Amino acid sequence: RLVRNIVDSRRNIGSVFLLIAALVLVGYFIPDTRIRSYTVLLWMAFFVAIIVDSVFLGRRIKNTVAERLPDATDSSRGLIWYGVTRATMVRRWRFPKPVVSVGDDI
């Protein structure tokens, strides 16, 4: 529940993945090579942004879990993986549904 609330309380770049993917798909069908080049550049920049956002999210999850649950025996790798995969999902499609609003303190 803690990891879920951490993810749901922040804006994540991965949640706009479908929108960017649709734009890239449309960009691939445009015959102008300059637009295709910019589309590929946008796609690569978006993936770099997702990776950077995931690293920051993983560090926040690891630090918060260590601070709030010092006696936890679970590996933080699984919690980080859960948080990153939840962050890449569109907020409305997340299950279980988010119970905290964006910007709430955890």
PDB file of N, CA and C in Angstrom:
ATOM      1  N   ARG A   1       0.820  -1.193   0.000  1.00  0.00           N
ATOM      2  CA  ARG A   1       0.000   0.000   0.000  1.00  0.00           C
ATOM      3  C   ARG A   1       0.865   1.259   0.000  1.00  0.00           C
ATOM      4  N   LEU A   2       1.978   1.231   0.702  1.00  0.00           N
ATOM      5  CA  LEU A   2       2.872   2.385   0.756  1.00  0.00           C
ATOM      6  C   LEU A   2       3.420   2.709  -0.631  1.00  0.00           C
ATOM      7  N   VAL A   3       3.888   1.699  -1.340  1.00  0.00           N
ATOM      8  CA  VAL A   3       4.444   1.919  -2.682  1.00  0.00           C
ATOM      9  C   VAL A   3       3.355   2.436  -3.618  1.00  0.00           C
ATOM     10  N   ARG A   4       2.190   1.867  -3.521  1.00  0.00           N
ATOM     11  CA  ARG A   4       1.065   2.299  -4.359  1.00  0.00           C
ATOM     12  C   ARG A   4       0.756   3.771  -4.116  1.00  0.00           C
ATOM     13  N   ASN A   5       0.748   4.189  -2.859  1.00  0.00           N
ATOM     14  CA  ASN A   5       0.464   5.588  -2.540  1.00  0.00           C
ATOM     15  C   ASN A   5       1.588   6.514  -2.992  1.00  0.00           C
ATOM     16  N   ILE A   6       2.833   6.049  -2.910  1.00  0.00           N
ATOM     17  CA  ILE A   6       3.956   6.857  -3.399  1.00  0.00           C
ATOM     18  C   ILE A   6       3.793   7.122  -4.887  1.00  0.00           C
ATOM     19  N   VAL A   7       3.480   6.082  -5.638  1.00  0.00           N
ATOM     20  CA  VAL A   7       3.327   6.220  -7.090  1.00  0.00           C
ATOM     21  C   VAL A   7       2.123   7.097  -7.424  1.00  0.00           C
ATOM     22  N   ASP A   8       1.021   6.878  -6.736  1.00  0.00           N
ATOM     23  CA  ASP A   8      -0.211   7.595  -7.062  1.00  0.00           C
ATOM     24  C   ASP A   8      -0.184   9.055  -6.629  1.00  0.00           C
ATOM     25  N   SER A   9       0.718   9.434  -5.729  1.00  0.00           N
ATOM     26  CA  SER A   9       0.757  10.811  -5.243  1.00  0.00           C
ATOM     27  C   SER A   9       1.621  11.721  -6.111  1.00  0.00           C
ATOM     28  N   ARG A  10       2.239  11.188  -7.139  1.00  0.00           N
ATOM     29  CA  ARG A  10       3.098  12.017  -7.988  1.00  0.00           C
ATOM     30  C   ARG A  10       2.688  11.887  -9.445  1.00  0.00           C
ATOM     31  N   ARG A  11       3.074  12.866 -10.227  1.00  0.00           N
ATOM     32  CA  ARG A  11       2.860  12.788 -11.676  1.00  0.00           C
ATOM     33  C   ARG A  11       4.003  11.977 -12.265  1.00  0.00           C
ATOM     34  N   ASN A  12       3.663  11.066 -13.153  1.00  0.00           N
ATOM     35  CA  ASN A  12       4.658  10.185 -13.746  1.00  0.00           C
ATOM     36  C   ASN A  12       4.675  10.363 -15.259  1.00  0.00           C
ATOM     37  N   ILE A  13       5.863  10.378 -15.817  1.00  0.00           N
ATOM     38  CA  ILE A  13       5.998  10.529 -17.260  1.00  0.00           C
ATOM     39  C   ILE A  13       5.426   9.319 -17.989  1.00  0.00           C
ATOM     40  N   GLY A  14       5.566   8.159 -17.397  1.00  0.00           N
ATOM     41  CA  GLY A  14       5.106   6.939 -18.049  1.00  0.00           C
ATOM     42  C   GLY A  14       3.613   6.876 -18.269  1.00  0.00           C
ATOM     43  N   SER A  15       2.845   7.660 -17.522  1.00  0.00           N
ATOM     44  CA  SER A  15       1.395   7.590 -17.674  1.00  0.00           C
ATOM     45  C   SER A  15       0.907   8.249 -18.965  1.00  0.00           C
ATOM     46  N   VAL A  16       1.754   8.996 -19.650  1.00  0.00           N
ATOM     47  CA  VAL A  16       1.384   9.572 -20.946  1.00  0.00           C
ATOM     48  C   VAL A  16       1.964   8.753 -22.094  1.00  0.00           C
ATOM     49  N   PHE A  17       2.393   7.541 -21.783  1.00  0.00           N
ATOM     50  CA  PHE A  17       3.024   6.680 -22.782  1.00  0.00           C
ATOM     51  C   PHE A  17       2.121   6.438 -23.988  1.00  0.00           C
ATOM     52  N   LEU A  18       0.861   6.134 -23.758  1.00  0.00           N
ATOM     53  CA  LEU A  18      -0.038   5.834 -24.874  1.00  0.00           C
ATOM     54  C   LEU A  18      -0.234   7.040 -25.786  1.00  0.00           C
ATOM     55  N   LEU A  19      -0.296   8.221 -25.221  1.00  0.00           N
ATOM     56  CA  LEU A  19      -0.434   9.427 -26.029  1.00  0.00           C
ATOM     57  C   LEU A  19       0.800   9.633 -26.909  1.00  0.00           C
ATOM     58  N   ILE A  20       1.972   9.516 -26.322  1.00  0.00           N
ATOM     59  CA  ILE A  20       3.209   9.682 -27.091  1.00  0.00           C
ATOM     60  C   ILE A  20       3.333   8.587 -28.143  1.00  0.00           C
ATOM     61  N   ALA A  21       2.977   7.355 -27.785  1.00  0.00           N
ATOM     62  CA  ALA A  21       3.048   6.250 -28.747  1.00  0.00           C
ATOM     63  C   ALA A  21       2.118   6.501 -29.930  1.00  0.00           C
ATOM     64  N   ALA A  22       0.937   7.045 -29.680  1.00  0.00           N
ATOM     65  CA  ALA A  22       0.011   7.354 -30.774  1.00  0.00           C
ATOM     66  C   ALA A  22       0.580   8.449 -31.671  1.00  0.00           C
ATOM     67  N   LEU A  23       1.182   9.474 -31.072  1.00  0.00           N
ATOM     68  CA  LEU A  23       1.796  10.536 -31.871  1.00  0.00           C
ATOM     69  C   LEU A  23       2.946  10.005 -32.715  1.00  0.00           C
ATOM     70  N   VAL A  24       3.742   9.132 -32.134  1.00  0.00           N
ATOM     71  CA  VAL A  24       4.864   8.548 -32.870  1.00  0.00           C
ATOM     72  C   VAL A  24       4.347   7.688 -34.015  1.00  0.00           C
ATOM     73  N   LEU A  25       3.315   6.929 -33.769  1.00  0.00           N
ATOM     74  CA  LEU A  25       2.738   6.088 -34.815  1.00  0.00           C
ATOM     75  C   LEU A  25       2.222   6.933 -35.977  1.00  0.00           C
ATOM     76  N   VAL A  26       1.555   8.023 -35.681  1.00  0.00           N
ATOM     77  CA  VAL A  26       1.087   8.927 -36.730  1.00  0.00           C
ATOM     78  C   VAL A  26       2.281   9.540 -37.456  1.00  0.00           C
ATOM     79  N   GLY A  27       3.307   9.900 -36.714  1.00  0.00           N
ATOM     80  CA  GLY A  27       4.497  10.490 -37.317  1.00  0.00           C
ATOM     81  C   GLY A  27       5.218   9.565 -38.273  1.00  0.00           C
ATOM     82  N   TYR A  28       5.155   8.268 -38.027  1.00  0.00           N
ATOM     83  CA  TYR A  28       5.798   7.307 -38.919  1.00  0.00           C
ATOM     84  C   TYR A  28       5.114   7.230 -40.283  1.00  0.00           C
ATOM     85  N   PHE A  29       3.844   7.573 -40.358  1.00  0.00           N
ATOM     86  CA  PHE A  29       3.112   7.477 -41.617  1.00  0.00           C
ATOM     87  C   PHE A  29       3.168   8.750 -42.448  1.00  0.00           C
ATOM     88  N   ILE A  30       3.760   9.796 -41.927  1.00  0.00           N
ATOM     89  CA  ILE A  30       3.896  11.041 -42.678  1.00  0.00           C
ATOM     90  C   ILE A  30       5.097  10.899 -43.612  1.00  0.00           C
ATOM     91  N   PRO A  31       4.920  11.199 -44.898  1.00  0.00           N
ATOM     92  CA  PRO A  31       5.994  10.940 -45.864  1.00  0.00           C
ATOM     93  C   PRO A  31       7.224  11.848 -45.734  1.00  0.00           C
ATOM     94  N   ASP A  32       7.106  12.974 -45.083  1.00  0.00           N
ATOM     95  CA  ASP A  32       8.243  13.891 -44.946  1.00  0.00           C
ATOM     96  C   ASP A  32       9.306  13.271 -44.037  1.00  0.00           C
ATOM     97  N   THR A  33      10.538  13.169 -44.531  1.00  0.00           N
ATOM     98  CA  THR A  33      11.602  12.516 -43.755  1.00  0.00           C
ATOM     99  C   THR A  33      12.016  13.339 -42.539  1.00  0.00           C
ATOM    100  N   ARG A  34      11.869  14.660 -42.613  1.00  0.00           N
ATOM    101  CA  ARG A  34      12.208  15.480 -41.446  1.00  0.00           C
ATOM    102  C   ARG A  34      11.270  15.177 -40.282  1.00  0.00           C
ATOM    103  N   ILE A  35       9.996  15.035 -40.587  1.00  0.00           N
ATOM    104  CA  ILE A  35       9.027  14.730 -39.530  1.00  0.00           C
ATOM    105  C   ILE A  35       9.299  13.343 -38.961  1.00  0.00           C
ATOM    106  N   ARG A  36       9.648  12.398 -39.812  1.00  0.00           N
ATOM    107  CA  ARG A  36       9.999  11.058 -39.322  1.00  0.00           C
ATOM    108  C   ARG A  36      11.223  11.117 -38.418  1.00  0.00           C
ATOM    109  N   SER A  37      12.203  11.931 -38.797  1.00  0.00           N
ATOM    110  CA  SER A  37      13.408  12.063 -37.968  1.00  0.00           C
ATOM    111  C   SER A  37      13.066  12.653 -36.603  1.00  0.00           C
ATOM    112  N   TYR A  38      12.230  13.677 -36.590  1.00  0.00           N
ATOM    113  CA  TYR A  38      11.811  14.267 -35.318  1.00  0.00           C
ATOM    114  C   TYR A  38      10.987  13.287 -34.493  1.00  0.00           C
ATOM    115  N   THR A  39      10.220  12.457 -35.189  1.00  0.00           N
ATOM    116  CA  THR A  39       9.427  11.452 -34.486  1.00  0.00           C
ATOM    117  C   THR A  39      10.327  10.452 -33.778  1.00  0.00           C
ATOM    118  N   VAL A  40      11.359   9.992 -34.464  1.00  0.00           N
ATOM    119  CA  VAL A  40      12.307   9.054 -33.848  1.00  0.00           C
ATOM    120  C   VAL A  40      13.029   9.730 -32.688  1.00  0.00           C
ATOM    121  N   LEU A  41      13.402  10.984 -32.864  1.00  0.00           N
ATOM    122  CA  LEU A  41      14.061  11.733 -31.791  1.00  0.00           C
ATOM    123  C   LEU A  41      13.132  11.892 -30.583  1.00  0.00           C
ATOM    124  N   LEU A  42      11.862  12.191 -30.833  1.00  0.00           N
ATOM    125  CA  LEU A  42      10.881  12.291 -29.753  1.00  0.00           C
ATOM    126  C   LEU A  42      10.746  10.964 -29.023  1.00  0.00           C
ATOM    127  N   TRP A  43      10.703   9.875 -29.762  1.00  0.00           N
ATOM    128  CA  TRP A  43      10.559   8.538 -29.178  1.00  0.00           C
ATOM    129  C   TRP A  43      11.747   8.219 -28.276  1.00  0.00           C
ATOM    130  N   MET A  44      12.956   8.493 -28.759  1.00  0.00           N
ATOM    131  CA  MET A  44      14.160   8.225 -27.954  1.00  0.00           C
ATOM    132  C   MET A  44      14.206   9.118 -26.715  1.00  0.00           C
ATOM    133  N   ALA A  45      13.873  10.386 -26.881  1.00  0.00           N
ATOM    134  CA  ALA A  45      13.875  11.305 -25.740  1.00  0.00           C
ATOM    135  C   ALA A  45      12.841  10.887 -24.702  1.00  0.00           C
ATOM    136  N   PHE A  46      11.713  10.394 -25.165  1.00  0.00           N
ATOM    137  CA  PHE A  46      10.677   9.943 -24.241  1.00  0.00           C
ATOM    138  C   PHE A  46      11.149   8.732 -23.450  1.00  0.00           C
ATOM    139  N   PHE A  47      11.823   7.804 -24.117  1.00  0.00           N
ATOM    140  CA  PHE A  47      12.329   6.638 -23.397  1.00  0.00           C
ATOM    141  C   PHE A  47      13.395   7.022 -22.375  1.00  0.00           C
ATOM    142  N   VAL A  48      14.250   7.959 -22.716  1.00  0.00           N
ATOM    143  CA  VAL A  48      15.241   8.434 -21.750  1.00  0.00           C
ATOM    144  C   VAL A  48      14.534   9.089 -20.562  1.00  0.00           C
ATOM    145  N   ALA A  49      13.492   9.863 -20.840  1.00  0.00           N
ATOM    146  CA  ALA A  49      12.742  10.506 -19.756  1.00  0.00           C
ATOM    147  C   ALA A  49      12.069   9.473 -18.857  1.00  0.00           C
ATOM    148  N   ILE A  50      11.533   8.408 -19.440  1.00  0.00           N
ATOM    149  CA  ILE A  50      10.913   7.348 -18.635  1.00  0.00           C
ATOM    150  C   ILE A  50      11.961   6.667 -17.758  1.00  0.00           C
ATOM    151  N   ILE A  51      13.130   6.408 -18.308  1.00  0.00           N
ATOM    152  CA  ILE A  51      14.188   5.757 -17.530  1.00  0.00           C
ATOM    153  C   ILE A  51      14.623   6.649 -16.370  1.00  0.00           C
ATOM    154  N   VAL A  52      14.832   7.925 -16.634  1.00  0.00           N
ATOM    155  CA  VAL A  52      15.245   8.855 -15.577  1.00  0.00           C
ATOM    156  C   VAL A  52      14.160   8.959 -14.503  1.00  0.00           C
ATOM    157  N   ASP A  53      12.909   9.079 -14.924  1.00  0.00           N
ATOM    158  CA  ASP A  53      11.803   9.151 -13.970  1.00  0.00           C
ATOM    159  C   ASP A  53      11.709   7.868 -13.148  1.00  0.00           C
ATOM    160  N   SER A  54      11.938   6.731 -13.775  1.00  0.00           N
ATOM    161  CA  SER A  54      11.881   5.448 -13.064  1.00  0.00           C
ATOM    162  C   SER A  54      13.006   5.323 -12.043  1.00  0.00           C
ATOM    163  N   VAL A  55      14.181   5.829 -12.374  1.00  0.00           N
ATOM    164  CA  VAL A  55      15.300   5.790 -11.426  1.00  0.00           C
ATOM    165  C   VAL A  55      14.977   6.644 -10.202  1.00  0.00           C
ATOM    166  N   PHE A  56      14.466   7.857 -10.427  1.00  0.00           N
ATOM    167  CA  PHE A  56      14.100   8.712  -9.297  1.00  0.00           C
ATOM    168  C   PHE A  56      12.981   8.100  -8.469  1.00  0.00           C
ATOM    169  N   LEU A  57      12.005   7.495  -9.136  1.00  0.00           N
ATOM    170  CA  LEU A  57      10.912   6.839  -8.419  1.00  0.00           C
ATOM    171  C   LEU A  57      11.435   5.663  -7.608  1.00  0.00           C
ATOM    172  N   GLY A  58      12.316   4.869  -8.195  1.00  0.00           N
ATOM    173  CA  GLY A  58      12.887   3.729  -7.478  1.00  0.00           C
ATOM    174  C   GLY A  58      13.665   4.152  -6.243  1.00  0.00           C
ATOM    175  N   ARG A  59      14.427   5.215  -6.359  1.00  0.00           N
ATOM    176  CA  ARG A  59      15.176   5.714  -5.202  1.00  0.00           C
ATOM    177  C   ARG A  59      14.235   6.220  -4.117  1.00  0.00           C
ATOM    178  N   ARG A  60      13.168   6.888  -4.532  1.00  0.00           N
ATOM    179  CA  ARG A  60      12.204   7.385  -3.541  1.00  0.00           C
ATOM    180  C   ARG A  60      11.507   6.228  -2.835  1.00  0.00           C
ATOM    181  N   ILE A  61      11.136   5.207  -3.593  1.00  0.00           N
ATOM    182  CA  ILE A  61      10.488   4.039  -2.984  1.00  0.00           C
ATOM    183  C   ILE A  61      11.435   3.369  -2.005  1.00  0.00           C
ATOM    184  N   LYS A  62      12.671   3.150  -2.423  1.00  0.00           N
ATOM    185  CA  LYS A  62      13.647   2.469  -1.571  1.00  0.00           C
ATOM    186  C   LYS A  62      13.887   3.245  -0.279  1.00  0.00           C
ATOM    187  N   ASN A  63      14.074   4.548  -0.385  1.00  0.00           N
ATOM    188  CA  ASN A  63      14.341   5.367   0.802  1.00  0.00           C
ATOM    189  C   ASN A  63      13.129   5.450   1.725  1.00  0.00           C
ATOM    190  N   THR A  64      11.949   5.601   1.154  1.00  0.00           N
ATOM    191  CA  THR A  64      10.743   5.707   1.978  1.00  0.00           C
ATOM    192  C   THR A  64      10.441   4.399   2.689  1.00  0.00           C
ATOM    193  N   VAL A  65      10.593   3.279   1.994  1.00  0.00           N
ATOM    194  CA  VAL A  65      10.343   1.979   2.622  1.00  0.00           C
ATOM    195  C   VAL A  65      11.363   1.729   3.727  1.00  0.00           C
ATOM    196  N   ALA A  66      12.628   2.063   3.488  1.00  0.00           N
ATOM    197  CA  ALA A  66      13.656   1.867   4.515  1.00  0.00           C
ATOM    198  C   ALA A  66      13.405   2.757   5.732  1.00  0.00           C
ATOM    199  N   GLU A  67      12.882   3.948   5.494  1.00  0.00           N
ATOM    200  CA  GLU A  67      12.617   4.881   6.594  1.00  0.00           C
ATOM    201  C   GLU A  67      11.384   4.475   7.404  1.00  0.00           C
ATOM    202  N   ARG A  68      10.324   4.102   6.727  1.00  0.00           N
ATOM    203  CA  ARG A  68       9.060   3.807   7.416  1.00  0.00           C
ATOM    204  C   ARG A  68       8.958   2.372   7.910  1.00  0.00           C
ATOM    205  N   LEU A  69       9.615   1.463   7.236  1.00  0.00           N
ATOM    206  CA  LEU A  69       9.547   0.043   7.609  1.00  0.00           C
ATOM    207  C   LEU A  69      10.960  -0.513   7.773  1.00  0.00           C
ATOM    208  N   PRO A  70      11.678  -0.102   8.814  1.00  0.00           N
ATOM    209  CA  PRO A  70      13.075  -0.528   8.959  1.00  0.00           C
ATOM    210  C   PRO A  70      13.231  -2.028   9.210  1.00  0.00           C
ATOM    211  N   ASP A  71      12.209  -2.679   9.728  1.00  0.00           N
ATOM    212  CA  ASP A  71      12.301  -4.110  10.021  1.00  0.00           C
ATOM    213  C   ASP A  71      11.758  -4.978   8.894  1.00  0.00           C
ATOM    214  N   ALA A  72      11.446  -4.387   7.756  1.00  0.00           N
ATOM    215  CA  ALA A  72      10.883  -5.153   6.643  1.00  0.00           C
ATOM    216  C   ALA A  72      11.924  -6.118   6.094  1.00  0.00           C
ATOM    217  N   THR A  73      11.497  -7.335   5.837  1.00  0.00           N
ATOM    218  CA  THR A  73      12.412  -8.354   5.317  1.00  0.00           C
ATOM    219  C   THR A  73      12.270  -8.530   3.812  1.00  0.00           C
ATOM    220  N   ASP A  74      11.266  -7.904   3.206  1.00  0.00           N
ATOM    221  CA  ASP A  74      11.066  -8.030   1.763  1.00  0.00           C
ATOM    222  C   ASP A  74      12.169  -7.301   1.006  1.00  0.00           C
ATOM    223  N   SER A  75      12.489  -7.821  -0.151  1.00  0.00           N
ATOM    224  CA  SER A  75      13.470  -7.175  -1.010  1.00  0.00           C
ATOM    225  C   SER A  75      12.857  -5.917  -1.619  1.00  0.00           C
ATOM    226  N   SER A  76      13.636  -4.857  -1.681  1.00  0.00           N
ATOM    227  CA  SER A  76      13.111  -3.622  -2.257  1.00  0.00           C
ATOM    228  C   SER A  76      13.033  -3.707  -3.779  1.00  0.00           C
ATOM    229  N   ARG A  77      13.725  -4.664  -4.382  1.00  0.00           N
ATOM    230  CA  ARG A  77      13.688  -4.796  -5.848  1.00  0.00           C
ATOM    231  C   ARG A  77      12.275  -5.072  -6.345  1.00  0.00           C
ATOM    232  N   GLY A  78      11.567  -5.955  -5.663  1.00  0.00           N
ATOM    233  CA  GLY A  78      10.197  -6.261  -6.062  1.00  0.00           C
ATOM    234  C   GLY A  78       9.269  -5.076  -5.882  1.00  0.00           C
ATOM    235  N   LEU A  79       9.482  -4.327  -4.815  1.00  0.00           N
ATOM    236  CA  LEU A  79       8.659  -3.143  -4.573  1.00  0.00           C
ATOM    237  C   LEU A  79       8.929  -2.063  -5.615  1.00  0.00           C
ATOM    238  N   ILE A  80      10.201  -1.900  -5.960  1.00  0.00           N
ATOM    239  CA  ILE A  80      10.561  -0.916  -6.982  1.00  0.00           C
ATOM    240  C   ILE A  80       9.963  -1.319  -8.323  1.00  0.00           C
ATOM    241  N   TRP A  81      10.052  -2.593  -8.663  1.00  0.00           N
ATOM    242  CA  TRP A  81       9.483  -3.071  -9.928  1.00  0.00           C
ATOM    243  C   TRP A  81       7.982  -2.810  -9.962  1.00  0.00           C
ATOM    244  N   TYR A  82       7.296  -3.102  -8.864  1.00  0.00           N
ATOM    245  CA  TYR A  82       5.859  -2.851  -8.789  1.00  0.00           C
ATOM    246  C   TYR A  82       5.565  -1.362  -8.978  1.00  0.00           C
ATOM    247  N   GLY A  83       6.336  -0.513  -8.320  1.00  0.00           N
ATOM    248  CA  GLY A  83       6.115   0.927  -8.428  1.00  0.00           C
ATOM    249  C   GLY A  83       6.338   1.451  -9.830  1.00  0.00           C
ATOM    250  N   VAL A  84       7.392   0.986 -10.482  1.00  0.00           N
ATOM    251  CA  VAL A  84       7.693   1.455 -11.839  1.00  0.00           C
ATOM    252  C   VAL A  84       6.627   0.976 -12.820  1.00  0.00           C
ATOM    253  N   THR A  85       6.200  -0.270 -12.708  1.00  0.00           N
ATOM    254  CA  THR A  85       5.173  -0.755 -13.628  1.00  0.00           C
ATOM    255  C   THR A  85       3.834  -0.058 -13.375  1.00  0.00           C
ATOM    256  N   ARG A  86       3.547   0.260 -12.136  1.00  0.00           N
ATOM    257  CA  ARG A  86       2.309   0.998 -11.840  1.00  0.00           C
ATOM    258  C   ARG A  86       2.399   2.422 -12.382  1.00  0.00           C
ATOM    259  N   ALA A  87       3.584   3.010 -12.332  1.00  0.00           N
ATOM    260  CA  ALA A  87       3.758   4.381 -12.803  1.00  0.00           C
ATOM    261  C   ALA A  87       3.598   4.498 -14.313  1.00  0.00           C
ATOM    262  N   THR A  88       3.850   3.429 -15.049  1.00  0.00           N
ATOM    263  CA  THR A  88       3.719   3.495 -16.504  1.00  0.00           C
ATOM    264  C   THR A  88       2.286   3.265 -16.971  1.00  0.00           C
ATOM    265  N   MET A  89       1.398   2.990 -16.050  1.00  0.00           N
ATOM    266  CA  MET A  89      -0.007   2.754 -16.386  1.00  0.00           C
ATOM    267  C   MET A  89      -0.779   4.070 -16.330  1.00  0.00           C
ATOM    268  N   VAL A  90      -1.748   4.238 -17.196  1.00  0.00           N
ATOM    269  CA  VAL A  90      -2.620   5.411 -17.143  1.00  0.00           C
ATOM    270  C   VAL A  90      -3.345   5.394 -15.797  1.00  0.00           C
ATOM    271  N   ARG A  91      -3.425   6.526 -15.152  1.00  0.00           N
ATOM    272  CA  ARG A  91      -3.966   6.592 -13.786  1.00  0.00           C
ATOM    273  C   ARG A  91      -5.375   6.009 -13.684  1.00  0.00           C
ATOM    274  N   ARG A  92      -6.213   6.243 -14.655  1.00  0.00           N
ATOM    275  CA  ARG A  92      -7.585   5.726 -14.613  1.00  0.00           C
ATOM    276  C   ARG A  92      -7.641   4.209 -14.740  1.00  0.00           C
ATOM    277  N   TRP A  93      -6.639   3.600 -15.329  1.00  0.00           N
ATOM    278  CA  TRP A  93      -6.640   2.157 -15.567  1.00  0.00           C
ATOM    279  C   TRP A  93      -5.934   1.374 -14.473  1.00  0.00           C
ATOM    280  N   ARG A  94      -5.395   2.049 -13.473  1.00  0.00           N
ATOM    281  CA  ARG A  94      -4.661   1.346 -12.420  1.00  0.00           C
ATOM    282  C   ARG A  94      -5.612   0.527 -11.558  1.00  0.00           C
ATOM    283  N   PHE A  95      -5.126  -0.632 -11.174  1.00  0.00           N
ATOM    284  CA  PHE A  95      -5.908  -1.491 -10.285  1.00  0.00           C
ATOM    285  C   PHE A  95      -4.984  -2.019  -9.221  1.00  0.00           C
ATOM    286  N   PRO A  96      -5.302  -1.851  -7.963  1.00  0.00           N
ATOM    287  CA  PRO A  96      -6.448  -1.171  -7.376  1.00  0.00           C
ATOM    288  C   PRO A  96      -6.426   0.324  -7.677  1.00  0.00           C
ATOM    289  N   LYS A  97      -7.590   0.911  -7.634  1.00  0.00           N
ATOM    290  CA  LYS A  97      -7.739   2.330  -7.949  1.00  0.00           C
ATOM    291  C   LYS A  97      -6.930   3.182  -6.977  1.00  0.00           C
ATOM    292  N   PRO A  98      -6.388   4.310  -7.454  1.00  0.00           N
ATOM    293  CA  PRO A  98      -5.659   5.211  -6.556  1.00  0.00           C
ATOM    294  C   PRO A  98      -6.570   5.768  -5.467  1.00  0.00           C
ATOM    295  N   VAL A  99      -6.050   5.813  -4.247  1.00  0.00           N
ATOM    296  CA  VAL A  99      -6.818   6.352  -3.119  1.00  0.00           C
ATOM    297  C   VAL A  99      -6.274   7.702  -2.662  1.00  0.00           C
ATOM    298  N   VAL A 100      -5.131   8.115  -3.184  1.00  0.00           N
ATOM    299  CA  VAL A 100      -4.567   9.426  -2.865  1.00  0.00           C
ATOM    300  C   VAL A 100      -4.584  10.277  -4.129  1.00  0.00           C
ATOM    301  N   SER A 101      -4.658  11.570  -3.938  1.00  0.00           N
ATOM    302  CA  SER A 101      -4.643  12.497  -5.064  1.00  0.00           C
ATOM    303  C   SER A 101      -3.207  12.857  -5.413  1.00  0.00           C
ATOM    304  N   VAL A 102      -3.024  13.350  -6.616  1.00  0.00           N
ATOM    305  CA  VAL A 102      -1.701  13.802  -7.035  1.00  0.00           C
ATOM    306  C   VAL A 102      -1.314  15.000  -6.177  1.00  0.00           C
ATOM    307  N   GLY A 103      -0.128  14.947  -5.608  1.00  0.00           N
ATOM    308  CA  GLY A 103       0.362  16.031  -4.767  1.00  0.00           C
ATOM    309  C   GLY A 103       0.167  15.824  -3.281  1.00  0.00           C
ATOM    310  N   ASP A 104      -0.559  14.787  -2.890  1.00  0.00           N
ATOM    311  CA  ASP A 104      -0.745  14.510  -1.461  1.00  0.00           C
ATOM    312  C   ASP A 104       0.570  14.069  -0.827  1.00  0.00           C
ATOM    313  N   ASP A 105       0.753  14.412   0.447  1.00  0.00           N
ATOM    314  CA  ASP A 105       1.925  13.951   1.189  1.00  0.00           C
ATOM    315  C   ASP A 105       1.704  12.518   1.637  1.00  0.00           C
ATOM    316  N   ILE A 106       2.762  11.741   1.543  1.00  0.00           N
ATOM    317  CA  ILE A 106       2.681  10.328   1.937  1.00  0.00           C
ATOM    318  C   ILE A 106       3.456  10.148   3.227  1.00  0.00           C
TER     319      ILE A 106
END
